[in-house]
Amino acid sequence: MAKQRILIVEDDKNISKLVKYNLEKADYDCTISSTGEKALELLKNQPIDLMILDIMLPEMNGFDVCRNIKQDAKLKAIPIIMLTARGEEVDRVVGLELGADDYIVKPFSPRELVLRVKAILKRGKAEESKKDILAIGDITINIPKHEVSVKNKVIVLTPLEFKLLTTLIERQGRVQTRETLLSDVWGIYTPVDTRTIDTHIKRLRMKLGKPGNMIVTVTGLGYKLKEEDED
C-alpha cells in the first residue's frame, strides 16, 4: 500500500527537518518546499494527501497559499494544517476562515502534530466509507459526492466544515459539547483551545444562510442541531 504524501511548506530548515523526521517515522512520505510559489507548482505535478503550511514565508505568505489552494477546484480538498509562530486569535481566525483544517502554534509538540495529521487523514477515509444521503429542512448532504446543498443550491464547505455539519445532523437534537466535537470531528483527544469550534460554527452558519440558524448554541455546554419542529 502506497504511503500517504505530505507537503511541508516551511522556510526554516531546522523546523522542516524536524517535522519531516517525525512524520517519516510515522510512515508518511514527505516533501519539503521553502516557498509558497514552489509549493503551488509542486501541487500541480504530484498528488498530495495533506499540507503543513507556515504563514511567515518569503514573498507569498501562508495565508495567500491557502487562499490559492481553496479557490482551485482541483486542489481545494487537500487538508491544510497551519504551523506557525503567529499565535494571535486574529491570525487563527483568518487561517481557519480561509479553509485551514487545523492551526498549530510554535513552539509545538512533534508528537501532537503527528496525532493531528493522523486524525485528519483518518477522518477523510471515514467519510469516503459512508454511502448515504442526509437531509434536514432545506439542507441536503450527499456524502459519496462530498456535496452540501441548500434549496438545491450547492454550498462550498471545507472538509472539516463538511464533517462538522454531518456530525451535527447525524446527532440532531442532542447537545454536542465542544470537547466531544474536538474528539469526534477533529480527532483530537488532548486539551486544546476550544475557540476553534466556535470559529468553525460561526463560519458554517454564515455559509448555510437562514438554515444555519438550526445550529444553536447551548450556553455553557456546546452546540446542537434543532429538531425541525423546535421553536
Protein backbone atom coordinates (compact mmCIF):
# COMPACT_ATOMS: atom_id res chain seq x y z
CA MET A 1 0.00 0.00 0.00
CA ALA A 2 1.40 3.40 -1.03
CA LYS A 3 2.35 5.79 1.73
CA GLN A 4 0.28 8.93 2.17
CA ARG A 5 2.11 12.03 0.92
CA ILE A 6 2.59 15.18 2.98
CA LEU A 7 3.93 18.50 1.73
CA ILE A 8 5.77 20.59 4.33
CA VAL A 9 5.92 24.28 3.39
CA GLU A 10 8.44 25.86 5.76
CA ASP A 11 11.44 28.16 5.16
CA ASP A 12 13.18 27.33 8.46
CA LYS A 13 15.34 24.31 7.63
CA ASN A 14 15.61 23.14 11.24
CA ILE A 15 11.82 23.07 11.66
CA SER A 16 11.15 21.45 8.28
CA LYS A 17 13.71 18.73 9.02
CA LEU A 18 12.17 18.14 12.47
CA VAL A 19 8.67 17.84 11.01
CA LYS A 20 9.86 15.60 8.16
CA TYR A 21 11.76 13.31 10.53
CA ASN A 22 8.78 12.77 12.84
CA LEU A 23 6.28 12.24 10.01
CA GLU A 24 8.52 9.81 8.15
CA LYS A 25 8.99 7.92 11.42
CA ALA A 26 5.16 7.65 11.43
CA ASP A 27 5.37 6.12 7.93
CA TYR A 28 4.42 9.12 5.78
CA ASP A 29 6.15 10.18 2.58
CA CYS A 30 7.25 13.81 2.95
CA THR A 31 8.35 16.58 0.59
CA ILE A 32 9.67 19.96 1.71
CA SER A 33 9.13 23.30 -0.03
CA SER A 34 10.72 26.50 1.30
CA THR A 35 8.39 28.90 -0.52
CA GLY A 36 4.69 29.17 -1.28
CA GLU A 37 5.29 29.57 -5.00
CA LYS A 38 7.26 26.33 -5.21
CA ALA A 39 4.60 24.55 -3.16
CA LEU A 40 1.81 25.59 -5.54
CA GLU A 41 3.88 24.48 -8.53
CA LEU A 42 4.61 21.14 -6.88
CA LEU A 43 0.90 20.54 -6.24
CA LYS A 44 0.28 20.71 -9.99
CA ASN A 45 2.73 17.90 -10.66
CA GLN A 46 2.17 15.35 -7.90
CA PRO A 47 -0.72 14.27 -5.66
CA ILE A 48 -0.56 15.37 -2.03
CA ASP A 49 -2.74 14.00 0.78
CA LEU A 50 -2.10 16.79 3.30
CA MET A 51 -0.14 20.04 3.60
CA ILE A 52 1.62 21.52 6.63
CA LEU A 53 1.90 25.24 5.99
CA ASP A 54 3.85 28.03 7.69
CA ILE A 55 2.39 31.54 7.48
CA MET A 56 5.57 33.64 7.52
CA LEU A 57 7.08 32.59 4.21
CA PRO A 58 9.20 34.75 1.87
CA GLU A 59 7.24 36.59 -0.85
CA MET A 60 3.91 34.71 -0.85
CA ASN A 61 2.76 34.15 2.75
CA GLY A 62 0.90 31.12 4.03
CA PHE A 63 -2.49 32.86 4.02
CA ASP A 64 -2.14 33.56 0.30
CA VAL A 65 -1.02 29.99 -0.37
CA CYS A 66 -4.05 28.65 1.48
CA ARG A 67 -6.36 31.05 -0.38
CA ASN A 68 -4.98 29.92 -3.75
CA ILE A 69 -5.46 26.25 -2.89
CA LYS A 70 -9.02 26.64 -1.62
CA GLN A 71 -10.01 28.61 -4.73
CA ASP A 72 -8.70 25.88 -7.04
CA ALA A 73 -11.34 23.21 -7.76
CA LYS A 74 -8.66 20.55 -8.24
CA LEU A 75 -6.79 21.33 -5.02
CA LYS A 76 -9.37 22.61 -2.52
CA ALA A 77 -9.99 19.19 -0.96
CA ILE A 78 -6.37 18.95 0.25
CA PRO A 79 -6.37 19.26 4.07
CA ILE A 80 -4.13 22.04 5.42
CA ILE A 81 -2.58 22.33 8.87
CA MET A 82 -1.12 25.76 9.57
CA LEU A 83 2.04 25.52 11.69
CA THR A 84 3.18 28.99 12.67
CA ALA A 85 4.67 31.26 15.31
CA ARG A 86 1.74 33.65 14.87
CA GLY A 87 -0.49 32.72 17.79
CA GLU A 88 -2.80 35.73 17.97
CA GLU A 89 -6.51 34.97 17.84
CA VAL A 90 -6.97 37.14 14.74
CA ASP A 91 -4.38 35.06 12.85
CA ARG A 92 -6.02 31.82 13.97
CA VAL A 93 -9.43 33.06 12.84
CA VAL A 94 -8.10 34.20 9.45
CA GLY A 95 -6.39 30.85 8.87
CA LEU A 96 -9.49 28.84 9.71
CA GLU A 97 -11.77 31.12 7.70
CA LEU A 98 -9.53 30.64 4.67
CA GLY A 99 -10.19 26.91 4.94
CA ALA A 100 -7.33 25.51 7.02
CA ASP A 101 -8.34 22.32 8.83
CA ASP A 102 -6.18 22.94 11.88
CA TYR A 103 -3.92 25.63 13.35
CA ILE A 104 -0.89 24.82 15.50
CA VAL A 105 1.27 27.46 17.15
CA LYS A 106 5.06 27.17 17.51
CA PRO A 107 6.75 26.01 19.63
CA PHE A 108 4.90 22.75 19.09
CA SER A 109 4.96 19.13 20.15
CA PRO A 110 6.07 16.89 17.24
CA ARG A 111 4.04 14.05 18.75
CA GLU A 112 0.87 16.16 18.85
CA LEU A 113 1.48 17.28 15.26
CA VAL A 114 1.70 13.65 14.12
CA LEU A 115 -1.51 12.82 16.03
CA ARG A 116 -3.36 15.67 14.35
CA VAL A 117 -2.10 14.63 10.92
CA LYS A 118 -3.29 11.07 11.56
CA ALA A 119 -6.69 12.32 12.79
CA ILE A 120 -7.31 14.47 9.69
CA LEU A 121 -6.26 11.75 7.25
CA LYS A 122 -8.28 9.13 9.12
CA ARG A 123 -11.32 11.40 9.06
CA GLY A 124 -11.06 11.66 5.28
CA LYS A 125 -11.08 7.88 4.88
CA ALA A 126 -14.07 7.53 7.23
CA GLU A 127 -16.09 9.96 5.12
CA GLU A 128 -15.32 8.02 1.95
CA SER A 129 -16.67 4.81 3.50
CA LYS A 130 -20.18 6.23 4.04
CA LYS A 131 -22.79 5.62 1.34
CA ASP A 132 -25.86 7.65 2.16
CA ILE A 133 -27.62 10.99 1.89
CA LEU A 134 -28.62 13.09 4.91
CA ALA A 135 -31.36 15.70 4.78
CA ILE A 136 -32.98 18.08 7.23
CA GLY A 137 -35.13 21.06 6.30
CA ASP A 138 -33.57 22.78 3.29
CA ILE A 139 -30.16 21.14 3.86
CA THR A 140 -29.14 18.02 1.91
CA ILE A 141 -25.80 16.24 2.26
CA ASN A 142 -24.64 13.82 -0.42
CA ILE A 143 -21.84 12.01 1.38
CA PRO A 144 -20.45 9.99 -1.57
CA LYS A 145 -20.14 13.21 -3.60
CA HIS A 146 -19.00 15.20 -0.53
CA GLU A 147 -21.60 17.80 -1.51
CA VAL A 148 -23.90 20.02 0.55
CA SER A 149 -26.85 21.90 -0.91
CA VAL A 150 -29.39 24.36 0.48
CA LYS A 151 -32.65 24.50 -1.51
CA ASN A 152 -30.85 22.59 -4.29
CA LYS A 153 -28.04 25.16 -4.45
CA VAL A 154 -24.59 23.69 -3.80
CA ILE A 155 -22.74 25.26 -0.87
CA VAL A 156 -18.94 25.03 -0.84
CA LEU A 157 -17.65 23.73 2.51
CA THR A 158 -14.16 22.75 3.62
CA PRO A 159 -13.66 19.06 4.52
CA LEU A 160 -13.75 19.99 8.21
CA GLU A 161 -16.96 22.03 7.87
CA PHE A 162 -18.50 19.13 5.96
CA LYS A 163 -17.63 16.70 8.76
CA LEU A 164 -18.89 19.11 11.43
CA LEU A 165 -22.25 19.58 9.71
CA THR A 166 -22.61 15.85 9.07
CA THR A 167 -21.93 15.08 12.73
CA LEU A 168 -24.50 17.63 13.95
CA ILE A 169 -27.17 16.30 11.56
CA GLU A 170 -26.48 12.69 12.49
CA ARG A 171 -26.94 13.67 16.16
CA GLN A 172 -29.87 16.02 15.60
CA GLY A 173 -31.46 17.28 18.80
CA ARG A 174 -28.60 16.07 21.00
CA VAL A 175 -26.21 18.56 22.60
CA GLN A 176 -22.60 18.15 21.49
CA THR A 177 -20.03 19.61 23.86
CA ARG A 178 -17.02 21.37 22.40
CA GLU A 179 -14.82 18.58 23.76
CA THR A 180 -16.99 15.93 22.04
CA LEU A 181 -16.77 17.77 18.73
CA LEU A 182 -13.00 18.13 19.06
CA SER A 183 -12.61 14.38 19.58
CA ASP A 184 -15.22 13.19 17.04
CA VAL A 185 -14.74 15.76 14.27
CA TRP A 186 -11.15 16.87 14.70
CA GLY A 187 -9.92 13.59 16.17
CA ILE A 188 -8.15 15.50 18.95
CA TYR A 189 -8.21 13.96 22.41
CA THR A 190 -5.72 16.27 24.11
CA PRO A 191 -6.73 19.58 25.72
CA VAL A 192 -6.62 22.33 23.08
CA ASP A 193 -8.23 25.74 22.59
CA THR A 194 -11.95 25.12 22.06
CA ARG A 195 -12.33 28.51 20.33
CA THR A 196 -11.54 26.56 17.18
CA ILE A 197 -15.04 25.07 17.44
CA ASP A 198 -16.72 28.46 17.80
CA THR A 199 -14.92 29.83 14.74
CA HIS A 200 -15.98 26.91 12.57
CA ILE A 201 -19.59 27.02 13.80
CA LYS A 202 -19.81 30.75 13.02
CA ARG A 203 -18.45 30.22 9.50
CA LEU A 204 -20.71 27.22 8.89
CA ARG A 205 -23.81 29.21 9.89
CA MET A 206 -22.84 32.01 7.51
CA LYS A 207 -22.36 29.65 4.58
CA LEU A 208 -25.68 27.89 5.17
CA GLY A 209 -27.61 31.15 5.37
CA LYS A 210 -31.01 31.01 7.07
CA PRO A 211 -30.88 27.20 7.62
CA GLY A 212 -27.71 27.84 9.62
CA ASN A 213 -29.94 29.10 12.42
CA MET A 214 -30.80 25.45 13.08
CA ILE A 215 -27.37 25.17 14.69
CA VAL A 216 -27.99 26.56 18.15
CA THR A 217 -25.64 27.41 21.00
CA VAL A 218 -26.34 25.65 24.28
CA THR A 219 -24.87 28.03 26.85
CA GLY A 220 -22.15 26.50 28.95
CA LEU A 221 -22.19 23.23 27.02
CA GLY A 222 -21.75 23.39 23.26
CA TYR A 223 -23.99 23.13 20.19
CA LYS A 224 -26.84 21.13 18.76
CA LEU A 225 -28.88 20.97 15.57
CA LYS A 226 -32.52 21.74 16.35
CA GLU A 227 -35.28 19.27 15.64
CA GLU A 228 -37.34 20.51 12.68
CA ASP A 229 -40.37 21.10 14.90
CA GLU A 230 -38.48 23.00 17.61
CA ASP A 231 -39.32 26.69 18.06
